[in-house]
Amino acid sequence: MGHEEIPPKPTYMADGTTRTEAIGKQVIHFRKASAKTLADAGQKTGAVFQALRYMGKDRIDDRVIAMLATALDGNDRNLLAKQSKHVPAYMHTVVQQIVIYA
């Protein structure tokens, strides 16, 4: 019998309580997040901020910055700069690097 991969439990940030829900055979984890963390959810810029939070300041390097910058167009990069006033201080430098990435 081979090793079967266990699929990861999808985790979603939500403004409600932290909880786990079973929908059929799928288990979904909802993790409580602050309104600040949920700001801009559903936009590309929100996904960038979530990725940076997930990675943490010690794991963000030039490769990560390049990948995020190329996923955004000029309008998204400008929006990212405007929205960065609500992020932790360490992200400001990263956001600046993403915005000026050429």
PDB file of N, CA and C in Angstrom:
ATOM      1  N   MET A   1       0.835  -1.167   0.000  1.00  0.00           N
ATOM      2  CA  MET A   1       0.000   0.000   0.000  1.00  0.00           C
ATOM      3  C   MET A   1       0.884   1.235   0.000  1.00  0.00           C
ATOM      4  N   GLY A   2       0.711   2.164  -0.968  1.00  0.00           N
ATOM      5  CA  GLY A   2       1.535   3.367  -1.085  1.00  0.00           C
ATOM      6  C   GLY A   2       1.085   4.448  -0.129  1.00  0.00           C
ATOM      7  N   HIS A   3       1.923   5.452  -0.045  1.00  0.00           N
ATOM      8  CA  HIS A   3       1.581   6.604   0.791  1.00  0.00           C
ATOM      9  C   HIS A   3       0.611   7.493   0.042  1.00  0.00           C
ATOM     10  N   GLU A   4      -0.482   7.799   0.685  1.00  0.00           N
ATOM     11  CA  GLU A   4      -1.450   8.706   0.088  1.00  0.00           C
ATOM     12  C   GLU A   4      -1.214  10.088   0.667  1.00  0.00           C
ATOM     13  N   GLU A   5      -1.253  11.077  -0.210  1.00  0.00           N
ATOM     14  CA  GLU A   5      -1.121  12.438   0.274  1.00  0.00           C
ATOM     15  C   GLU A   5      -2.408  12.861   0.938  1.00  0.00           C
ATOM     16  N   ILE A   6      -2.262  13.535   2.055  1.00  0.00           N
ATOM     17  CA  ILE A   6      -3.427  14.092   2.725  1.00  0.00           C
ATOM     18  C   ILE A   6      -3.590  15.514   2.208  1.00  0.00           C
ATOM     19  N   PRO A   7      -4.722  15.817   1.609  1.00  0.00           N
ATOM     20  CA  PRO A   7      -4.890  17.156   1.085  1.00  0.00           C
ATOM     21  C   PRO A   7      -4.898  18.174   2.220  1.00  0.00           C
ATOM     22  N   PRO A   8      -4.313  19.335   1.972  1.00  0.00           N
ATOM     23  CA  PRO A   8      -4.305  20.346   3.026  1.00  0.00           C
ATOM     24  C   PRO A   8      -5.719  20.822   3.321  1.00  0.00           C
ATOM     25  N   LYS A   9      -5.919  21.230   4.543  1.00  0.00           N
ATOM     26  CA  LYS A   9      -7.218  21.750   4.948  1.00  0.00           C
ATOM     27  C   LYS A   9      -7.256  23.215   4.511  1.00  0.00           C
ATOM     28  N   PRO A  10      -8.165  23.583   3.612  1.00  0.00           N
ATOM     29  CA  PRO A  10      -8.225  24.983   3.186  1.00  0.00           C
ATOM     30  C   PRO A  10      -8.475  25.889   4.389  1.00  0.00           C
ATOM     31  N   THR A  11      -7.739  26.986   4.446  1.00  0.00           N
ATOM     32  CA  THR A  11      -7.885  27.943   5.529  1.00  0.00           C
ATOM     33  C   THR A  11      -8.258  29.288   4.941  1.00  0.00           C
ATOM     34  N   TYR A  12      -9.297  29.876   5.496  1.00  0.00           N
ATOM     35  CA  TYR A  12      -9.773  31.179   5.047  1.00  0.00           C
ATOM     36  C   TYR A  12      -9.777  32.139   6.218  1.00  0.00           C
ATOM     37  N   MET A  13      -9.350  33.370   5.954  1.00  0.00           N
ATOM     38  CA  MET A  13      -9.403  34.417   6.961  1.00  0.00           C
ATOM     39  C   MET A  13     -10.829  34.957   6.967  1.00  0.00           C
ATOM     40  N   ALA A  14     -11.372  35.196   8.158  1.00  0.00           N
ATOM     41  CA  ALA A  14     -12.734  35.700   8.277  1.00  0.00           C
ATOM     42  C   ALA A  14     -12.830  36.610   9.494  1.00  0.00           C
ATOM     43  N   ASP A  15     -13.855  37.428   9.510  1.00  0.00           N
ATOM     44  CA  ASP A  15     -14.014  38.331  10.646  1.00  0.00           C
ATOM     45  C   ASP A  15     -14.816  37.698  11.783  1.00  0.00           C
ATOM     46  N   GLY A  16     -15.260  36.489  11.610  1.00  0.00           N
ATOM     47  CA  GLY A  16     -15.986  35.777  12.662  1.00  0.00           C
ATOM     48  C   GLY A  16     -15.027  35.009  13.549  1.00  0.00           C
ATOM     49  N   THR A  17     -15.558  34.081  14.297  1.00  0.00           N
ATOM     50  CA  THR A  17     -14.737  33.282  15.201  1.00  0.00           C
ATOM     51  C   THR A  17     -13.946  32.229  14.432  1.00  0.00           C
ATOM     52  N   THR A  18     -12.841  31.791  15.027  1.00  0.00           N
ATOM     53  CA  THR A  18     -12.055  30.713  14.440  1.00  0.00           C
ATOM     54  C   THR A  18     -12.853  29.429  14.608  1.00  0.00           C
ATOM     55  N   ARG A  19     -13.008  28.696  13.522  1.00  0.00           N
ATOM     56  CA  ARG A  19     -13.805  27.475  13.578  1.00  0.00           C
ATOM     57  C   ARG A  19     -13.463  26.571  12.395  1.00  0.00           C
ATOM     58  N   THR A  20     -13.873  25.342  12.495  1.00  0.00           N
ATOM     59  CA  THR A  20     -13.706  24.379  11.416  1.00  0.00           C
ATOM     60  C   THR A  20     -15.090  23.907  11.004  1.00  0.00           C
ATOM     61  N   GLU A  21     -15.337  23.879   9.714  1.00  0.00           N
ATOM     62  CA  GLU A  21     -16.635  23.456   9.182  1.00  0.00           C
ATOM     63  C   GLU A  21     -16.418  22.271   8.247  1.00  0.00           C
ATOM     64  N   ALA A  22     -17.303  21.307   8.312  1.00  0.00           N
ATOM     65  CA  ALA A  22     -17.281  20.185   7.378  1.00  0.00           C
ATOM     66  C   ALA A  22     -18.410  20.397   6.379  1.00  0.00           C
ATOM     67  N   ILE A  23     -18.045  20.393   5.126  1.00  0.00           N
ATOM     68  CA  ILE A  23     -19.031  20.513   4.052  1.00  0.00           C
ATOM     69  C   ILE A  23     -18.859  19.262   3.203  1.00  0.00           C
ATOM     70  N   GLY A  24     -19.752  18.330   3.387  1.00  0.00           N
ATOM     71  CA  GLY A  24     -19.572  17.027   2.750  1.00  0.00           C
ATOM     72  C   GLY A  24     -18.336  16.374   3.344  1.00  0.00           C
ATOM     73  N   LYS A  25     -17.421  15.930   2.492  1.00  0.00           N
ATOM     74  CA  LYS A  25     -16.178  15.324   2.964  1.00  0.00           C
ATOM     75  C   LYS A  25     -15.060  16.353   3.119  1.00  0.00           C
ATOM     76  N   GLN A  26     -15.307  17.575   2.699  1.00  0.00           N
ATOM     77  CA  GLN A  26     -14.297  18.633   2.765  1.00  0.00           C
ATOM     78  C   GLN A  26     -14.354  19.342   4.114  1.00  0.00           C
ATOM     79  N   VAL A  27     -13.198  19.534   4.723  1.00  0.00           N
ATOM     80  CA  VAL A  27     -13.103  20.267   5.983  1.00  0.00           C
ATOM     81  C   VAL A  27     -12.444  21.608   5.687  1.00  0.00           C
ATOM     82  N   ILE A  28     -13.080  22.675   6.133  1.00  0.00           N
ATOM     83  CA  ILE A  28     -12.584  24.024   5.888  1.00  0.00           C
ATOM     84  C   ILE A  28     -12.343  24.703   7.223  1.00  0.00           C
ATOM     85  N   HIS A  29     -11.193  25.348   7.331  1.00  0.00           N
ATOM     86  CA  HIS A  29     -10.826  26.043   8.565  1.00  0.00           C
ATOM     87  C   HIS A  29     -10.982  27.547   8.336  1.00  0.00           C
ATOM     88  N   PHE A  30     -11.756  28.196   9.190  1.00  0.00           N
ATOM     89  CA  PHE A  30     -11.917  29.646   9.160  1.00  0.00           C
ATOM     90  C   PHE A  30     -11.121  30.211  10.327  1.00  0.00           C
ATOM     91  N   ARG A  31     -10.195  31.104  10.022  1.00  0.00           N
ATOM     92  CA  ARG A  31      -9.348  31.690  11.053  1.00  0.00           C
ATOM     93  C   ARG A  31      -9.721  33.147  11.256  1.00  0.00           C
ATOM     94  N   LYS A  32      -9.958  33.529  12.501  1.00  0.00           N
ATOM     95  CA  LYS A  32     -10.339  34.908  12.810  1.00  0.00           C
ATOM     96  C   LYS A  32      -9.196  35.837  12.430  1.00  0.00           C
ATOM     97  N   ALA A  33      -9.547  36.936  11.782  1.00  0.00           N
ATOM     98  CA  ALA A  33      -8.560  37.929  11.384  1.00  0.00           C
ATOM     99  C   ALA A  33      -9.118  39.316  11.691  1.00  0.00           C
ATOM    100  N   SER A  34      -8.225  40.228  11.957  1.00  0.00           N
ATOM    101  CA  SER A  34      -8.654  41.595  12.246  1.00  0.00           C
ATOM    102  C   SER A  34      -9.120  42.275  10.963  1.00  0.00           C
ATOM    103  N   ALA A  35      -9.867  43.340  11.124  1.00  0.00           N
ATOM    104  CA  ALA A  35     -10.331  44.104   9.962  1.00  0.00           C
ATOM    105  C   ALA A  35      -9.141  44.634   9.178  1.00  0.00           C
ATOM    106  N   LYS A  36      -8.073  44.978   9.872  1.00  0.00           N
ATOM    107  CA  LYS A  36      -6.855  45.481   9.211  1.00  0.00           C
ATOM    108  C   LYS A  36      -6.258  44.401   8.304  1.00  0.00           C
ATOM    109  N   THR A  37      -6.257  43.175   8.786  1.00  0.00           N
ATOM    110  CA  THR A  37      -5.722  42.063   7.994  1.00  0.00           C
ATOM    111  C   THR A  37      -6.612  41.768   6.795  1.00  0.00           C
ATOM    112  N   LEU A  38      -7.906  41.943   6.957  1.00  0.00           N
ATOM    113  CA  LEU A  38      -8.843  41.643   5.877  1.00  0.00           C
ATOM    114  C   LEU A  38      -8.998  42.787   4.879  1.00  0.00           C
ATOM    115  N   ALA A  39      -8.404  43.926   5.179  1.00  0.00           N
ATOM    116  CA  ALA A  39      -8.519  45.067   4.270  1.00  0.00           C
ATOM    117  C   ALA A  39      -8.054  44.655   2.876  1.00  0.00           C
ATOM    118  N   ASP A  40      -8.802  45.036   1.895  1.00  0.00           N
ATOM    119  CA  ASP A  40      -8.476  44.793   0.490  1.00  0.00           C
ATOM    120  C   ASP A  40      -8.574  43.327   0.083  1.00  0.00           C
ATOM    121  N   ALA A  41      -9.242  42.519   0.888  1.00  0.00           N
ATOM    122  CA  ALA A  41      -9.434  41.118   0.523  1.00  0.00           C
ATOM    123  C   ALA A  41     -10.216  41.050  -0.780  1.00  0.00           C
ATOM    124  N   GLY A  42      -9.892  40.109  -1.614  1.00  0.00           N
ATOM    125  CA  GLY A  42     -10.581  39.958  -2.889  1.00  0.00           C
ATOM    126  C   GLY A  42      -9.929  40.735  -4.008  1.00  0.00           C
ATOM    127  N   GLN A  43      -8.916  41.520  -3.697  1.00  0.00           N
ATOM    128  CA  GLN A  43      -8.170  42.251  -4.719  1.00  0.00           C
ATOM    129  C   GLN A  43      -6.773  41.651  -4.805  1.00  0.00           C
ATOM    130  N   LYS A  44      -6.095  41.899  -5.921  1.00  0.00           N
ATOM    131  CA  LYS A  44      -4.725  41.402  -6.053  1.00  0.00           C
ATOM    132  C   LYS A  44      -3.838  41.953  -4.943  1.00  0.00           C
ATOM    133  N   THR A  45      -4.037  43.221  -4.605  1.00  0.00           N
ATOM    134  CA  THR A  45      -3.208  43.823  -3.564  1.00  0.00           C
ATOM    135  C   THR A  45      -3.438  43.148  -2.215  1.00  0.00           C
ATOM    136  N   GLY A  46      -4.664  42.775  -1.932  1.00  0.00           N
ATOM    137  CA  GLY A  46      -4.948  42.055  -0.695  1.00  0.00           C
ATOM    138  C   GLY A  46      -4.221  40.725  -0.650  1.00  0.00           C
ATOM    139  N   ALA A  47      -4.155  40.047  -1.793  1.00  0.00           N
ATOM    140  CA  ALA A  47      -3.438  38.771  -1.871  1.00  0.00           C
ATOM    141  C   ALA A  47      -1.943  38.976  -1.633  1.00  0.00           C
ATOM    142  N   VAL A  48      -1.399  40.089  -2.132  1.00  0.00           N
ATOM    143  CA  VAL A  48       0.019  40.387  -1.909  1.00  0.00           C
ATOM    144  C   VAL A  48       0.275  40.585  -0.419  1.00  0.00           C
ATOM    145  N   PHE A  49      -0.558  41.375   0.238  1.00  0.00           N
ATOM    146  CA  PHE A  49      -0.380  41.604   1.670  1.00  0.00           C
ATOM    147  C   PHE A  49      -0.505  40.302   2.460  1.00  0.00           C
ATOM    148  N   GLN A  50      -1.449  39.456   2.081  1.00  0.00           N
ATOM    149  CA  GLN A  50      -1.608  38.161   2.757  1.00  0.00           C
ATOM    150  C   GLN A  50      -0.363  37.295   2.558  1.00  0.00           C
ATOM    151  N   ALA A  51       0.181  37.287   1.346  1.00  0.00           N
ATOM    152  CA  ALA A  51       1.387  36.500   1.069  1.00  0.00           C
ATOM    153  C   ALA A  51       2.554  36.996   1.923  1.00  0.00           C
ATOM    154  N   LEU A  52       2.700  38.312   2.025  1.00  0.00           N
ATOM    155  CA  LEU A  52       3.783  38.870   2.830  1.00  0.00           C
ATOM    156  C   LEU A  52       3.606  38.536   4.305  1.00  0.00           C
ATOM    157  N   ARG A  53       2.381  38.594   4.804  1.00  0.00           N
ATOM    158  CA  ARG A  53       2.117  38.231   6.203  1.00  0.00           C
ATOM    159  C   ARG A  53       2.440  36.751   6.437  1.00  0.00           C
ATOM    160  N   TYR A  54       2.016  35.916   5.502  1.00  0.00           N
ATOM    161  CA  TYR A  54       2.236  34.478   5.639  1.00  0.00           C
ATOM    162  C   TYR A  54       3.734  34.153   5.658  1.00  0.00           C
ATOM    163  N   MET A  55       4.474  34.790   4.761  1.00  0.00           N
ATOM    164  CA  MET A  55       5.903  34.497   4.656  1.00  0.00           C
ATOM    165  C   MET A  55       6.689  35.042   5.844  1.00  0.00           C
ATOM    166  N   GLY A  56       6.305  36.208   6.312  1.00  0.00           N
ATOM    167  CA  GLY A  56       7.043  36.835   7.405  1.00  0.00           C
ATOM    168  C   GLY A  56       8.267  37.564   6.881  1.00  0.00           C
ATOM    169  N   LYS A  57       8.717  38.550   7.633  1.00  0.00           N
ATOM    170  CA  LYS A  57       9.771  39.436   7.142  1.00  0.00           C
ATOM    171  C   LYS A  57      11.097  38.734   6.891  1.00  0.00           C
ATOM    172  N   ASP A  58      11.374  37.639   7.548  1.00  0.00           N
ATOM    173  CA  ASP A  58      12.664  36.966   7.394  1.00  0.00           C
ATOM    174  C   ASP A  58      12.761  36.082   6.156  1.00  0.00           C
ATOM    175  N   ARG A  59      11.649  35.836   5.498  1.00  0.00           N
ATOM    176  CA  ARG A  59      11.675  34.948   4.330  1.00  0.00           C
ATOM    177  C   ARG A  59      11.407  35.677   3.025  1.00  0.00           C
ATOM    178  N   ILE A  60      11.292  36.995   3.060  1.00  0.00           N
ATOM    179  CA  ILE A  60      11.036  37.766   1.843  1.00  0.00           C
ATOM    180  C   ILE A  60      12.376  38.171   1.248  1.00  0.00           C
ATOM    181  N   ASP A  61      12.609  37.721   0.018  1.00  0.00           N
ATOM    182  CA  ASP A  61      13.865  38.046  -0.658  1.00  0.00           C
ATOM    183  C   ASP A  61      13.571  38.635  -2.038  1.00  0.00           C
ATOM    184  N   ASP A  62      14.631  38.878  -2.820  1.00  0.00           N
ATOM    185  CA  ASP A  62      14.481  39.489  -4.148  1.00  0.00           C
ATOM    186  C   ASP A  62      13.609  38.643  -5.073  1.00  0.00           C
ATOM    187  N   ARG A  63      13.698  37.336  -4.940  1.00  0.00           N
ATOM    188  CA  ARG A  63      12.895  36.441  -5.788  1.00  0.00           C
ATOM    189  C   ARG A  63      11.406  36.621  -5.488  1.00  0.00           C
ATOM    190  N   VAL A  64      11.059  36.714  -4.217  1.00  0.00           N
ATOM    191  CA  VAL A  64       9.666  36.900  -3.814  1.00  0.00           C
ATOM    192  C   VAL A  64       9.170  38.261  -4.313  1.00  0.00           C
ATOM    193  N   ILE A  65       9.983  39.292  -4.134  1.00  0.00           N
ATOM    194  CA  ILE A  65       9.610  40.638  -4.585  1.00  0.00           C
ATOM    195  C   ILE A  65       9.372  40.639  -6.090  1.00  0.00           C
ATOM    196  N   ALA A  66      10.257  40.005  -6.850  1.00  0.00           N
ATOM    197  CA  ALA A  66      10.114  39.941  -8.310  1.00  0.00           C
ATOM    198  C   ALA A  66       8.837  39.203  -8.700  1.00  0.00           C
ATOM    199  N   MET A  67       8.552  38.101  -8.032  1.00  0.00           N
ATOM    200  CA  MET A  67       7.365  37.320  -8.357  1.00  0.00           C
ATOM    201  C   MET A  67       6.095  38.133  -8.092  1.00  0.00           C
ATOM    202  N   LEU A  68       6.039  38.812  -6.951  1.00  0.00           N
ATOM    203  CA  LEU A  68       4.867  39.613  -6.622  1.00  0.00           C
ATOM    204  C   LEU A  68       4.736  40.808  -7.550  1.00  0.00           C
ATOM    205  N   ALA A  69       5.845  41.459  -7.855  1.00  0.00           N
ATOM    206  CA  ALA A  69       5.811  42.648  -8.716  1.00  0.00           C
ATOM    207  C   ALA A  69       5.338  42.310 -10.123  1.00  0.00           C
ATOM    208  N   THR A  70       5.772  41.186 -10.647  1.00  0.00           N
ATOM    209  CA  THR A  70       5.382  40.829 -12.012  1.00  0.00           C
ATOM    210  C   THR A  70       3.936  40.344 -12.097  1.00  0.00           C
ATOM    211  N   ALA A  71       3.363  40.007 -10.946  1.00  0.00           N
ATOM    212  CA  ALA A  71       1.954  39.593 -10.926  1.00  0.00           C
ATOM    213  C   ALA A  71       1.013  40.800 -10.933  1.00  0.00           C
ATOM    214  N   LEU A  72       1.569  41.988 -10.723  1.00  0.00           N
ATOM    215  CA  LEU A  72       0.760  43.204 -10.660  1.00  0.00           C
ATOM    216  C   LEU A  72       1.039  44.102 -11.855  1.00  0.00           C
ATOM    217  N   ASP A  73       0.003  44.781 -12.329  1.00  0.00           N
ATOM    218  CA  ASP A  73       0.234  45.791 -13.361  1.00  0.00           C
ATOM    219  C   ASP A  73       0.506  47.133 -12.673  1.00  0.00           C
ATOM    220  N   GLY A  74       0.747  48.165 -13.447  1.00  0.00           N
ATOM    221  CA  GLY A  74       1.071  49.478 -12.897  1.00  0.00           C
ATOM    222  C   GLY A  74       0.006  50.023 -11.974  1.00  0.00           C
ATOM    223  N   ASN A  75      -1.262  49.847 -12.349  1.00  0.00           N
ATOM    224  CA  ASN A  75      -2.361  50.329 -11.493  1.00  0.00           C
ATOM    225  C   ASN A  75      -2.391  49.589 -10.158  1.00  0.00           C
ATOM    226  N   ASP A  76      -2.181  48.264 -10.207  1.00  0.00           N
ATOM    227  CA  ASP A  76      -2.168  47.479  -8.976  1.00  0.00           C
ATOM    228  C   ASP A  76      -1.006  47.899  -8.080  1.00  0.00           C
ATOM    229  N   ARG A  77       0.165  48.161  -8.678  1.00  0.00           N
ATOM    230  CA  ARG A  77       1.322  48.582  -7.883  1.00  0.00           C
ATOM    231  C   ARG A  77       1.067  49.938  -7.225  1.00  0.00           C
ATOM    232  N   ASN A  78       0.423  50.857  -7.957  1.00  0.00           N
ATOM    233  CA  ASN A  78       0.085  52.157  -7.364  1.00  0.00           C
ATOM    234  C   ASN A  78      -0.907  51.990  -6.220  1.00  0.00           C
ATOM    235  N   LEU A  79      -1.896  51.124  -6.407  1.00  0.00           N
ATOM    236  CA  LEU A  79      -2.878  50.855  -5.360  1.00  0.00           C
ATOM    237  C   LEU A  79      -2.204  50.222  -4.142  1.00  0.00           C
ATOM    238  N   LEU A  80      -1.267  49.323  -4.388  1.00  0.00           N
ATOM    239  CA  LEU A  80      -0.520  48.684  -3.311  1.00  0.00           C
ATOM    240  C   LEU A  80       0.184  49.734  -2.461  1.00  0.00           C
ATOM    241  N   ALA A  81       0.795  50.709  -3.114  1.00  0.00           N
ATOM    242  CA  ALA A  81       1.496  51.777  -2.387  1.00  0.00           C
ATOM    243  C   ALA A  81       0.512  52.567  -1.524  1.00  0.00           C
ATOM    244  N   LYS A  82      -0.651  52.884  -2.060  1.00  0.00           N
ATOM    245  CA  LYS A  82      -1.655  53.643  -1.308  1.00  0.00           C
ATOM    246  C   LYS A  82      -2.170  52.848  -0.108  1.00  0.00           C
ATOM    247  N   GLN A  83      -2.354  51.554  -0.291  1.00  0.00           N
ATOM    248  CA  GLN A  83      -2.916  50.718   0.767  1.00  0.00           C
ATOM    249  C   GLN A  83      -1.892  50.320   1.821  1.00  0.00           C
ATOM    250  N   SER A  84      -0.623  50.560   1.569  1.00  0.00           N
ATOM    251  CA  SER A  84       0.413  50.082   2.477  1.00  0.00           C
ATOM    252  C   SER A  84       0.465  50.845   3.799  1.00  0.00           C
ATOM    253  N   LYS A  85      -0.296  51.921   3.934  1.00  0.00           N
ATOM    254  CA  LYS A  85      -0.290  52.651   5.202  1.00  0.00           C
ATOM    255  C   LYS A  85      -0.910  51.821   6.327  1.00  0.00           C
ATOM    256  N   HIS A  86      -1.596  50.751   5.990  1.00  0.00           N
ATOM    257  CA  HIS A  86      -2.266  49.918   6.994  1.00  0.00           C
ATOM    258  C   HIS A  86      -1.502  48.635   7.324  1.00  0.00           C
ATOM    259  N   VAL A  87      -0.299  48.488   6.823  1.00  0.00           N
ATOM    260  CA  VAL A  87       0.442  47.237   7.011  1.00  0.00           C
ATOM    261  C   VAL A  87       1.540  47.417   8.052  1.00  0.00           C
ATOM    262  N   PRO A  88       2.060  46.305   8.577  1.00  0.00           N
ATOM    263  CA  PRO A  88       3.175  46.397   9.529  1.00  0.00           C
ATOM    264  C   PRO A  88       4.374  47.124   8.914  1.00  0.00           C
ATOM    265  N   ALA A  89       5.170  47.742   9.755  1.00  0.00           N
ATOM    266  CA  ALA A  89       6.287  48.576   9.304  1.00  0.00           C
ATOM    267  C   ALA A  89       7.253  47.835   8.372  1.00  0.00           C
ATOM    268  N   TYR A  90       7.545  46.564   8.651  1.00  0.00           N
ATOM    269  CA  TYR A  90       8.516  45.852   7.812  1.00  0.00           C
ATOM    270  C   TYR A  90       8.060  45.735   6.360  1.00  0.00           C
ATOM    271  N   MET A  91       6.761  45.804   6.125  1.00  0.00           N
ATOM    272  CA  MET A  91       6.245  45.661   4.763  1.00  0.00           C
ATOM    273  C   MET A  91       6.443  46.919   3.922  1.00  0.00           C
ATOM    274  N   HIS A  92       6.629  48.065   4.554  1.00  0.00           N
ATOM    275  CA  HIS A  92       6.758  49.308   3.793  1.00  0.00           C
ATOM    276  C   HIS A  92       7.929  49.250   2.811  1.00  0.00           C
ATOM    277  N   THR A  93       9.074  48.767   3.269  1.00  0.00           N
ATOM    278  CA  THR A  93      10.240  48.648   2.394  1.00  0.00           C
ATOM    279  C   THR A  93       9.971  47.659   1.271  1.00  0.00           C
ATOM    280  N   VAL A  94       9.338  46.559   1.600  1.00  0.00           N
ATOM    281  CA  VAL A  94       9.016  45.539   0.599  1.00  0.00           C
ATOM    282  C   VAL A  94       8.058  46.106  -0.445  1.00  0.00           C
ATOM    283  N   VAL A  95       7.030  46.810   0.010  1.00  0.00           N
ATOM    284  CA  VAL A  95       6.056  47.414  -0.906  1.00  0.00           C
ATOM    285  C   VAL A  95       6.757  48.410  -1.819  1.00  0.00           C
ATOM    286  N   GLN A  96       7.648  49.219  -1.281  1.00  0.00           N
ATOM    287  CA  GLN A  96       8.390  50.172  -2.113  1.00  0.00           C
ATOM    288  C   GLN A  96       9.185  49.454  -3.192  1.00  0.00           C
ATOM    289  N   GLN A  97       9.804  48.327  -2.836  1.00  0.00           N
ATOM    290  CA  GLN A  97      10.565  47.559  -3.813  1.00  0.00           C
ATOM    291  C   GLN A  97       9.657  46.968  -4.892  1.00  0.00           C
ATOM    292  N   ILE A  98       8.479  46.527  -4.493  1.00  0.00           N
ATOM    293  CA  ILE A  98       7.522  45.980  -5.464  1.00  0.00           C
ATOM    294  C   ILE A  98       7.049  47.077  -6.408  1.00  0.00           C
ATOM    295  N   VAL A  99       6.747  48.244  -5.850  1.00  0.00           N
ATOM    296  CA  VAL A  99       6.213  49.359  -6.650  1.00  0.00           C
ATOM    297  C   VAL A  99       7.230  49.835  -7.688  1.00  0.00           C
ATOM    298  N   ILE A 100       8.509  49.906  -7.333  1.00  0.00           N
ATOM    299  CA  ILE A 100       9.510  50.425  -8.282  1.00  0.00           C
ATOM    300  C   ILE A 100      10.157  49.332  -9.130  1.00  0.00           C
ATOM    301  N   TYR A 101       9.739  48.108  -8.946  1.00  0.00           N
ATOM    302  CA  TYR A 101      10.324  46.988  -9.692  1.00  0.00           C
ATOM    303  C   TYR A 101      10.197  47.217 -11.190  1.00  0.00           C
ATOM    304  N   ALA A 102      11.273  47.038 -11.911  1.00  0.00           N
ATOM    305  CA  ALA A 102      11.232  47.235 -13.358  1.00  0.00           C
ATOM    306  C   ALA A 102      11.638  45.975 -14.090  1.00  0.00           C
TER     307      ALA A 102
END
